[in-house]
N, C-alpha and C. Protein backbone atom coordinates (compact mmCIF):
# COMPACT_ATOMS: atom_id res chain seq x y z
N MET A 1 23.07 -53.47 38.80
CA MET A 1 22.98 -52.37 37.54
C MET A 1 21.65 -51.61 37.46
N LYS A 2 21.50 -50.23 37.18
CA LYS A 2 20.41 -49.32 37.45
C LYS A 2 20.24 -49.56 36.02
N ILE A 3 18.85 -49.97 35.22
CA ILE A 3 18.72 -49.86 34.13
C ILE A 3 17.92 -48.54 33.55
N LEU A 4 17.53 -48.22 32.54
CA LEU A 4 16.41 -47.23 31.93
C LEU A 4 15.92 -47.77 30.84
N GLY A 5 14.78 -48.06 31.40
CA GLY A 5 13.66 -48.61 29.74
C GLY A 5 13.36 -47.25 28.85
N ALA A 6 13.74 -47.58 27.75
CA ALA A 6 13.56 -46.41 26.59
C ALA A 6 12.63 -47.13 25.58
N VAL A 7 11.20 -46.63 25.27
CA VAL A 7 10.47 -46.83 23.89
C VAL A 7 10.83 -46.18 23.08
N LEU A 8 11.32 -46.17 21.86
CA LEU A 8 11.73 -45.44 21.00
C LEU A 8 10.16 -45.36 20.04
N ALA A 9 9.65 -43.96 20.13
CA ALA A 9 8.18 -43.83 19.46
C ALA A 9 7.76 -42.60 19.10
N GLY A 10 9.48 -41.78 18.65
CA GLY A 10 9.17 -40.88 17.76
C GLY A 10 9.33 -41.05 16.24
N GLY A 11 8.85 -42.24 15.84
CA GLY A 11 8.91 -42.37 14.05
C GLY A 11 7.58 -42.23 13.72
N ARG A 12 7.19 -41.59 12.22
CA ARG A 12 6.37 -41.30 11.51
C ARG A 12 5.24 -42.72 10.93
N SER A 13 5.87 -43.44 11.11
CA SER A 13 4.34 -44.73 10.92
C SER A 13 4.35 -44.77 9.72
N SER A 14 5.23 -44.25 8.40
CA SER A 14 4.47 -43.92 6.85
C SER A 14 4.25 -45.26 6.63
N ARG A 15 5.19 -46.38 6.57
CA ARG A 15 4.67 -47.90 6.08
C ARG A 15 3.38 -48.11 6.60
N PHE A 16 3.16 -47.78 8.11
CA PHE A 16 2.10 -48.45 8.66
C PHE A 16 0.64 -47.86 7.97
N GLY A 17 0.83 -46.48 7.87
CA GLY A 17 -0.53 -45.26 7.46
C GLY A 17 -1.06 -44.56 8.33
N SER A 18 -0.55 -45.08 9.47
CA SER A 18 -1.44 -44.47 10.56
C SER A 18 -0.44 -44.42 11.88
N ASP A 19 -0.94 -43.66 12.78
CA ASP A 19 0.03 -44.07 14.10
C ASP A 19 0.20 -45.28 14.35
N LYS A 20 0.88 -46.40 14.60
CA LYS A 20 1.28 -47.64 14.93
C LYS A 20 1.54 -47.74 16.10
N ALA A 21 1.83 -47.01 16.62
CA ALA A 21 2.09 -46.98 18.76
C ALA A 21 0.69 -47.12 18.96
N LEU A 22 -0.49 -46.44 18.21
CA LEU A 22 -1.74 -46.56 18.81
C LEU A 22 -2.60 -47.82 18.28
N ALA A 23 -1.88 -48.61 17.55
CA ALA A 23 -2.65 -49.58 16.74
C ALA A 23 -3.11 -50.34 17.94
N PRO A 24 -4.10 -51.08 17.75
CA PRO A 24 -4.67 -52.26 18.93
C PRO A 24 -4.16 -53.48 19.13
N PHE A 25 -3.29 -54.38 19.63
CA PHE A 25 -3.08 -55.69 19.73
C PHE A 25 -3.24 -56.19 21.16
N ASP A 26 -4.30 -57.19 21.04
CA ASP A 26 -4.84 -57.81 22.34
C ASP A 26 -5.18 -56.98 23.19
N GLY A 27 -6.34 -56.13 22.62
CA GLY A 27 -6.92 -55.36 23.68
C GLY A 27 -6.11 -54.16 24.16
N ARG A 28 -4.97 -53.71 23.67
CA ARG A 28 -4.23 -52.30 23.93
C ARG A 28 -3.28 -52.01 22.59
N PRO A 29 -2.86 -50.76 22.97
CA PRO A 29 -1.93 -50.31 21.81
C PRO A 29 -0.51 -50.96 22.03
N LEU A 30 0.04 -50.81 21.09
CA LEU A 30 1.18 -51.99 20.39
C LEU A 30 1.94 -51.48 21.80
N ILE A 31 2.21 -49.59 21.72
CA ILE A 31 3.18 -49.19 22.64
C ILE A 31 3.03 -49.43 24.22
N ASP A 32 1.71 -49.99 24.78
CA ASP A 32 1.67 -50.40 26.03
C ASP A 32 2.29 -51.81 26.34
N HIS A 33 2.41 -52.48 25.23
CA HIS A 33 3.08 -53.88 25.54
C HIS A 33 4.20 -54.04 25.70
N VAL A 34 5.19 -52.81 24.77
CA VAL A 34 6.58 -52.53 24.91
C VAL A 34 6.77 -51.94 26.47
N ILE A 35 5.98 -50.61 26.78
CA ILE A 35 6.20 -50.19 27.98
C ILE A 35 6.07 -51.42 29.15
N ALA A 36 5.21 -52.07 28.98
CA ALA A 36 4.97 -53.58 30.19
C ALA A 36 6.62 -54.56 30.29
N ALA A 37 6.61 -54.45 29.12
CA ALA A 37 8.02 -55.45 28.65
C ALA A 37 8.70 -54.57 29.12
N LEU A 38 9.47 -53.57 29.20
CA LEU A 38 10.56 -52.98 29.61
C LEU A 38 10.41 -52.63 30.91
N ALA A 39 9.24 -52.75 31.72
CA ALA A 39 9.16 -52.04 32.97
C ALA A 39 9.31 -53.40 33.80
N ALA A 40 9.02 -54.61 33.28
CA ALA A 40 9.38 -55.62 34.14
C ALA A 40 11.47 -56.03 34.39
N GLN A 41 12.31 -54.99 33.27
CA GLN A 41 13.22 -55.49 33.29
C GLN A 41 13.97 -54.16 33.95
N ALA A 42 13.41 -52.93 33.98
CA ALA A 42 14.12 -51.49 34.11
C ALA A 42 13.56 -51.18 35.59
N ASP A 43 14.59 -50.35 35.79
CA ASP A 43 14.17 -49.17 37.10
C ASP A 43 13.21 -48.16 36.64
N THR A 44 13.14 -47.82 35.84
CA THR A 44 12.62 -46.75 35.40
C THR A 44 12.33 -46.96 33.53
N VAL A 45 10.92 -46.43 32.93
CA VAL A 45 10.75 -46.44 31.88
C VAL A 45 10.35 -45.25 31.11
N VAL A 46 10.59 -44.50 30.36
CA VAL A 46 10.32 -43.51 29.91
C VAL A 46 9.90 -43.66 28.25
N VAL A 47 9.55 -43.00 27.64
CA VAL A 47 8.98 -42.59 26.43
C VAL A 47 9.68 -41.75 25.64
N ILE A 48 10.49 -42.15 24.59
CA ILE A 48 11.01 -41.20 23.84
C ILE A 48 10.51 -40.61 22.26
N GLY A 49 10.23 -39.39 22.28
CA GLY A 49 9.46 -39.02 21.02
C GLY A 49 8.23 -38.63 20.74
N ARG A 50 7.47 -38.84 22.07
CA ARG A 50 6.21 -38.22 22.05
C ARG A 50 5.81 -38.16 23.79
N ASP A 51 4.78 -37.80 23.68
CA ASP A 51 3.92 -37.74 24.85
C ASP A 51 2.80 -38.87 25.35
N TRP A 52 2.83 -39.75 26.10
CA TRP A 52 2.34 -40.66 26.40
C TRP A 52 1.62 -40.49 28.10
N PRO A 53 0.59 -40.77 27.97
CA PRO A 53 -0.18 -40.39 29.51
C PRO A 53 0.67 -41.81 30.53
N ARG A 54 0.49 -41.23 31.60
CA ARG A 54 1.26 -41.57 32.77
C ARG A 54 2.34 -42.39 32.44
N GLN A 55 3.49 -41.84 31.58
CA GLN A 55 4.61 -42.42 31.23
C GLN A 55 5.52 -41.59 31.35
N PRO A 56 6.74 -41.23 31.68
CA PRO A 56 7.55 -39.90 31.47
C PRO A 56 8.02 -39.86 30.08
N HIS A 57 8.41 -38.55 29.82
CA HIS A 57 8.48 -38.67 28.32
C HIS A 57 9.45 -37.80 27.72
N ILE A 58 10.70 -37.63 26.97
CA ILE A 58 11.60 -36.83 26.77
C ILE A 58 11.82 -36.92 24.96
N HIS A 59 12.14 -35.84 24.29
CA HIS A 59 12.30 -35.59 23.30
C HIS A 59 13.48 -35.93 22.36
N ASP A 60 13.30 -36.43 21.11
CA ASP A 60 14.51 -36.73 21.07
C ASP A 60 15.78 -35.97 21.10
N ARG A 61 17.15 -36.29 20.84
CA ARG A 61 18.34 -35.35 21.07
C ARG A 61 19.19 -35.66 19.87
N PRO A 62 19.65 -34.36 19.54
CA PRO A 62 19.46 -33.13 19.81
C PRO A 62 18.55 -32.57 18.75
N ALA A 63 17.68 -33.25 18.04
CA ALA A 63 16.32 -32.81 17.56
C ALA A 63 15.78 -33.58 16.88
N PRO A 64 14.56 -33.74 16.47
CA PRO A 64 13.64 -34.49 15.94
C PRO A 64 14.27 -34.67 14.60
N GLY A 65 13.42 -35.91 13.86
CA GLY A 65 13.64 -35.68 12.95
C GLY A 65 15.25 -37.11 12.47
N LEU A 66 15.95 -37.24 13.31
CA LEU A 66 17.00 -38.37 13.15
C LEU A 66 17.13 -39.45 13.46
N GLY A 67 15.47 -39.94 13.31
CA GLY A 67 15.42 -41.31 13.58
C GLY A 67 15.59 -42.09 14.74
N PRO A 68 15.76 -43.63 14.86
CA PRO A 68 15.77 -43.97 15.88
C PRO A 68 17.11 -43.69 16.95
N LEU A 69 17.79 -43.21 16.37
CA LEU A 69 19.45 -42.53 16.95
C LEU A 69 19.62 -41.27 17.73
N GLY A 70 18.40 -40.73 17.44
CA GLY A 70 18.25 -39.31 18.20
C GLY A 70 17.36 -39.51 19.35
N GLY A 71 16.34 -40.71 19.18
CA GLY A 71 15.66 -41.05 20.56
C GLY A 71 16.87 -42.11 21.32
N LEU A 72 17.74 -42.93 20.55
CA LEU A 72 18.66 -43.54 21.71
C LEU A 72 19.44 -42.51 22.50
N CYS A 73 19.99 -41.10 21.88
CA CYS A 73 20.82 -40.36 22.33
C CYS A 73 20.04 -39.64 23.36
N ALA A 74 18.72 -38.92 23.40
CA ALA A 74 18.06 -38.35 24.36
C ALA A 74 18.53 -39.82 25.63
N ALA A 75 17.66 -40.89 25.44
CA ALA A 75 17.78 -41.62 26.54
C ALA A 75 19.10 -41.88 26.97
N LEU A 76 20.18 -42.04 26.10
CA LEU A 76 21.60 -42.15 26.96
C LEU A 76 21.92 -40.77 27.86
N HIS A 77 21.35 -39.55 27.54
CA HIS A 77 21.65 -38.63 28.50
C HIS A 77 20.69 -38.49 29.74
N HIS A 78 19.65 -39.12 29.27
CA HIS A 78 18.87 -38.87 30.10
C HIS A 78 19.16 -39.88 31.43
N ALA A 79 19.54 -41.39 31.18
CA ALA A 79 20.03 -42.18 31.76
C ALA A 79 21.54 -41.75 32.38
N ALA A 80 22.31 -40.92 31.99
CA ALA A 80 23.56 -40.65 32.56
C ALA A 80 23.15 -39.47 33.82
N ALA A 81 22.31 -38.59 33.25
CA ALA A 81 21.45 -37.59 34.21
C ALA A 81 20.98 -37.82 35.18
N THR A 82 20.50 -39.01 35.60
CA THR A 82 19.57 -39.49 36.27
C THR A 82 20.16 -40.97 37.13
N GLY A 83 21.39 -41.25 36.92
CA GLY A 83 22.31 -42.42 37.53
C GLY A 83 21.91 -43.67 37.06
N HIS A 84 21.26 -43.63 35.84
CA HIS A 84 21.04 -45.07 35.08
C HIS A 84 22.65 -45.37 34.51
N ASP A 85 22.92 -47.01 34.73
CA ASP A 85 24.22 -47.36 33.75
C ASP A 85 24.05 -47.16 32.68
N ALA A 86 22.63 -47.76 32.35
CA ALA A 86 22.40 -48.32 30.74
C ALA A 86 21.10 -48.46 30.58
N VAL A 87 20.96 -48.01 29.39
CA VAL A 87 19.72 -47.90 28.64
C VAL A 87 19.46 -49.40 27.81
N LEU A 88 18.07 -49.82 28.38
CA LEU A 88 17.51 -50.88 27.63
C LEU A 88 16.40 -50.14 26.58
N ALA A 89 16.79 -50.41 25.27
CA ALA A 89 15.84 -49.82 24.43
C ALA A 89 15.07 -50.62 23.48
N ALA A 90 13.98 -50.01 23.01
CA ALA A 90 13.26 -50.72 21.80
C ALA A 90 11.99 -50.00 21.13
N GLY A 91 12.12 -50.02 20.02
CA GLY A 91 10.69 -49.54 19.25
C GLY A 91 9.40 -50.02 19.58
N CYS A 92 8.56 -48.66 19.55
CA CYS A 92 7.24 -49.10 20.02
C CYS A 92 6.49 -50.32 19.39
N ASP A 93 6.79 -50.88 18.29
CA ASP A 93 6.44 -51.79 17.30
C ASP A 93 6.75 -53.09 17.61
N LEU A 94 7.38 -53.66 18.63
CA LEU A 94 7.59 -54.83 18.92
C LEU A 94 6.95 -55.35 20.39
N PRO A 95 6.09 -55.85 19.98
CA PRO A 95 4.92 -56.23 21.13
C PRO A 95 5.39 -57.59 21.89
N ARG A 96 6.17 -58.48 21.55
CA ARG A 96 6.47 -59.46 22.30
C ARG A 96 8.12 -59.99 22.63
N LEU A 97 8.28 -58.72 23.40
CA LEU A 97 9.90 -58.45 24.07
C LEU A 97 10.18 -59.98 25.00
N PRO A 98 11.49 -60.45 24.86
CA PRO A 98 11.40 -61.31 25.91
C PRO A 98 11.32 -60.88 27.13
N ALA A 99 10.96 -61.90 28.38
CA ALA A 99 11.24 -61.46 29.40
C ALA A 99 12.70 -61.41 29.87
N ASP A 100 13.46 -62.25 29.53
CA ASP A 100 14.91 -61.72 29.83
C ASP A 100 15.88 -60.98 28.74
N LEU A 101 15.02 -60.14 28.10
CA LEU A 101 15.91 -59.57 26.96
C LEU A 101 16.80 -58.67 27.84
N GLY A 102 17.07 -57.95 28.62
CA GLY A 102 18.16 -57.23 29.56
C GLY A 102 19.17 -58.37 29.67
N ALA A 103 18.73 -59.55 30.21
CA ALA A 103 20.06 -60.21 30.81
C ALA A 103 20.46 -61.23 29.45
N ALA A 104 20.10 -61.13 28.41
CA ALA A 104 20.48 -61.77 27.47
C ALA A 104 21.26 -60.91 26.46
N LEU A 105 21.17 -59.72 26.55
CA LEU A 105 21.97 -58.33 25.82
C LEU A 105 23.12 -58.11 26.90
N ALA A 106 23.45 -58.31 27.95
CA ALA A 106 24.23 -57.89 29.19
C ALA A 106 25.58 -58.89 28.67
N PRO A 107 26.67 -58.02 28.72
CA PRO A 107 26.39 -56.84 28.90
C PRO A 107 26.97 -55.85 27.92
N GLY A 108 26.49 -54.90 27.62
CA GLY A 108 25.83 -53.36 26.63
C GLY A 108 27.55 -53.32 26.50
N PRO A 109 27.99 -52.71 24.99
CA PRO A 109 26.70 -52.48 24.11
C PRO A 109 26.38 -53.54 23.31
N ALA A 110 25.09 -53.73 22.98
CA ALA A 110 24.60 -55.25 22.62
C ALA A 110 23.34 -54.65 21.79
N HIS A 111 23.15 -55.35 20.68
CA HIS A 111 21.43 -55.24 20.29
C HIS A 111 21.23 -56.91 19.57
N VAL A 112 19.60 -56.48 19.09
CA VAL A 112 19.33 -58.09 18.62
C VAL A 112 19.63 -58.36 17.30
N LEU A 113 19.62 -59.23 16.77
CA LEU A 113 20.34 -59.50 15.37
C LEU A 113 18.44 -59.24 14.50
N GLY A 114 18.88 -58.29 13.67
CA GLY A 114 17.78 -58.03 12.64
C GLY A 114 17.06 -57.14 13.42
N GLN A 115 16.82 -56.74 14.55
CA GLN A 115 16.37 -55.08 15.32
C GLN A 115 16.96 -54.78 15.96
N PRO A 116 17.57 -53.50 15.23
CA PRO A 116 18.90 -52.70 16.09
C PRO A 116 18.38 -51.56 16.84
N THR A 117 17.08 -51.37 16.63
CA THR A 117 16.22 -50.76 18.15
C THR A 117 16.07 -51.29 19.14
N VAL A 118 16.32 -52.63 19.24
CA VAL A 118 16.36 -53.28 20.33
C VAL A 118 17.93 -53.63 21.22
N GLY A 119 17.94 -52.94 21.97
CA GLY A 119 19.64 -52.90 22.82
C GLY A 119 19.91 -52.58 23.73
N LEU A 120 21.34 -53.21 24.49
CA LEU A 120 21.49 -52.44 25.75
C LEU A 120 22.59 -51.50 25.28
N TRP A 121 22.91 -50.41 25.83
CA TRP A 121 23.73 -49.16 25.88
C TRP A 121 23.99 -48.58 27.31
N PRO A 122 25.69 -48.85 27.39
CA PRO A 122 25.67 -47.93 28.71
C PRO A 122 25.28 -46.60 28.43
N SER A 123 25.34 -46.06 29.38
CA SER A 123 24.94 -45.01 29.49
C SER A 123 26.24 -44.07 29.17
N THR A 124 27.50 -44.28 29.43
CA THR A 124 28.78 -43.79 29.30
C THR A 124 28.90 -43.12 27.63
N LEU A 125 28.12 -44.06 26.75
CA LEU A 125 27.93 -43.85 25.40
C LEU A 125 27.04 -42.50 25.10
N ALA A 126 26.87 -41.50 26.00
CA ALA A 126 26.22 -40.54 25.31
C ALA A 126 26.55 -39.59 24.41
N ALA A 127 28.22 -39.32 25.11
CA ALA A 127 28.86 -38.23 24.65
C ALA A 127 29.42 -38.83 22.98
N ALA A 128 29.62 -40.24 22.83
CA ALA A 128 30.31 -40.62 21.88
C ALA A 128 29.02 -40.76 20.48
N LEU A 129 27.99 -40.84 21.56
CA LEU A 129 26.84 -40.65 20.22
C LEU A 129 26.49 -39.24 19.93
N ASP A 130 26.49 -38.42 20.60
CA ASP A 130 26.70 -36.91 20.08
C ASP A 130 27.99 -36.71 18.92
N ALA A 131 28.93 -37.07 19.08
CA ALA A 131 29.74 -36.67 18.19
C ALA A 131 29.18 -37.88 16.71
N HIS A 132 29.08 -38.94 17.27
CA HIS A 132 28.58 -39.90 16.20
C HIS A 132 27.29 -38.81 15.18
N LEU A 133 26.21 -38.77 15.69
CA LEU A 133 25.50 -37.72 14.94
C LEU A 133 25.68 -36.17 14.49
N ALA A 134 26.97 -35.92 15.01
CA ALA A 134 27.53 -34.47 14.80
C ALA A 134 28.17 -34.59 13.47
N GLY A 135 28.63 -35.91 13.48
CA GLY A 135 29.20 -36.27 12.26
C GLY A 135 28.69 -37.07 11.18
N GLY A 136 27.49 -36.83 11.00
CA GLY A 136 26.42 -37.15 9.98
C GLY A 136 25.66 -38.31 10.37
N GLY A 137 26.43 -39.53 10.94
CA GLY A 137 25.88 -40.65 11.49
C GLY A 137 24.32 -40.81 12.00
N ARG A 138 23.53 -41.59 11.00
CA ARG A 138 22.15 -41.72 11.08
C ARG A 138 21.83 -43.47 11.13
N SER A 139 22.58 -44.31 10.93
CA SER A 139 22.20 -45.41 10.91
C SER A 139 22.15 -46.04 12.30
N LEU A 140 21.47 -46.91 12.79
CA LEU A 140 21.41 -47.62 13.82
C LEU A 140 22.83 -48.72 13.67
N HIS A 141 22.74 -49.52 12.44
CA HIS A 141 23.92 -50.49 12.27
C HIS A 141 24.98 -49.63 12.30
N GLY A 142 25.32 -48.74 11.90
CA GLY A 142 26.59 -47.86 11.46
C GLY A 142 27.02 -47.34 13.19
N TRP A 143 25.69 -46.94 13.89
CA TRP A 143 26.33 -46.53 15.33
C TRP A 143 26.52 -48.05 16.18
N ALA A 144 25.86 -48.81 15.63
CA ALA A 144 26.84 -50.45 16.16
C ALA A 144 27.70 -50.51 16.37
N ALA A 145 28.11 -50.68 14.81
CA ALA A 145 29.44 -50.87 14.84
C ALA A 145 30.47 -49.87 15.02
N HIS A 146 30.28 -48.27 14.91
CA HIS A 146 31.21 -47.71 15.56
C HIS A 146 31.44 -47.89 17.58
N CYS A 147 30.55 -48.31 17.86
CA CYS A 147 30.82 -48.66 19.32
C CYS A 147 31.17 -50.17 19.70
N ASN A 148 31.31 -50.51 18.68
CA ASN A 148 31.42 -52.42 19.01
C ASN A 148 30.61 -52.84 19.35
N ALA A 149 29.02 -52.72 19.16
CA ALA A 149 28.13 -53.52 19.87
C ALA A 149 28.13 -54.95 19.53
N ARG A 150 28.15 -55.82 20.74
CA ARG A 150 27.93 -57.29 20.26
C ARG A 150 26.50 -57.18 19.31
N VAL A 151 26.30 -58.17 18.40
CA VAL A 151 25.08 -58.55 18.19
C VAL A 151 24.37 -60.40 18.63
N VAL A 152 22.89 -60.04 19.21
CA VAL A 152 22.73 -61.42 20.14
C VAL A 152 21.42 -61.89 18.97
N ASP A 153 21.44 -63.00 18.88
CA ASP A 153 20.53 -63.49 18.44
C ASP A 153 19.38 -64.49 19.32
N LEU A 154 18.62 -63.39 19.09
CA LEU A 154 17.28 -64.28 19.82
C LEU A 154 16.10 -64.62 19.52
N GLY A 155 16.48 -64.94 18.03
CA GLY A 155 15.43 -65.57 17.12
C GLY A 155 14.91 -64.49 16.58
N PRO A 156 13.22 -64.93 15.99
CA PRO A 156 12.95 -63.65 15.48
C PRO A 156 12.00 -63.35 15.98
N LEU A 157 11.73 -61.38 16.08
CA LEU A 157 11.23 -60.74 17.07
C LEU A 157 10.29 -60.51 16.44
N PRO A 158 8.39 -60.09 16.72
CA PRO A 158 7.71 -59.73 15.57
C PRO A 158 8.09 -58.18 15.51
N ASN A 159 7.84 -57.55 14.62
CA ASN A 159 8.36 -56.29 14.26
C ASN A 159 6.67 -55.80 13.53
N ILE A 160 5.97 -54.76 14.18
CA ILE A 160 5.07 -54.22 13.27
C ILE A 160 5.33 -53.11 11.97
N ASN A 161 5.61 -53.40 11.12
CA ASN A 161 5.95 -52.34 10.22
C ASN A 161 4.88 -51.91 9.45
N THR A 162 3.77 -53.03 8.83
CA THR A 162 2.55 -52.62 8.01
C THR A 162 1.71 -53.16 9.03
N PRO A 163 0.46 -52.83 8.58
CA PRO A 163 -1.26 -53.52 9.00
C PRO A 163 -1.07 -54.90 8.82
N ALA A 164 -0.67 -55.63 7.92
CA ALA A 164 -0.27 -56.93 7.33
C ALA A 164 0.26 -57.62 8.48
N ASP A 165 1.49 -56.92 8.96
CA ASP A 165 2.42 -57.63 9.72
C ASP A 165 1.61 -57.46 11.01
N LEU A 166 0.52 -56.68 11.65
CA LEU A 166 -0.23 -56.79 12.54
C LEU A 166 -1.10 -57.66 12.70
N ARG A 167 -2.38 -57.86 11.36
CA ARG A 167 -2.63 -59.17 11.56
C ARG A 167 -2.08 -60.59 11.05
N ALA A 168 -0.81 -60.42 10.67
CA ALA A 168 0.00 -61.69 10.52
C ALA A 168 -0.02 -62.17 12.34
N LEU A 169 0.13 -61.26 13.25
CA LEU A 169 0.63 -61.41 14.46
C LEU A 169 -0.48 -62.13 15.55
């Protein structure tokens, strides 16, 4: 199976107070940890919702401001257009993804319990997500229920939403 890794990085970081993708963790920006984790499990990795040096990037679809679903929609369409079977997605604020994440989520659609931005989504769902967004859907939980995604318990995954979260990690 050919996997596209997608780092969802188009958020506003409002709870963090600054661009959390750039926040340093173990000497590197948070986003670099996610890119590296996905690169170890995917054939190609793209950053969604922002430009990032030395990394292919694409814009949210159908437009910015749709939250993680706009990023996932862009990733699904990019995956389908480039011959990838599925998208392994994660937010840019999850610096400690498991090394076996893709295998743990297979077969998709599936997402991690408590972390709906972390999931494995077949690229064949691109048109269905278009329709879901056109109908007003904005919640990842709503999308997951709509496509009958499995919920996989991988234990707690540290998610950085505030500077205090980062300090605690």
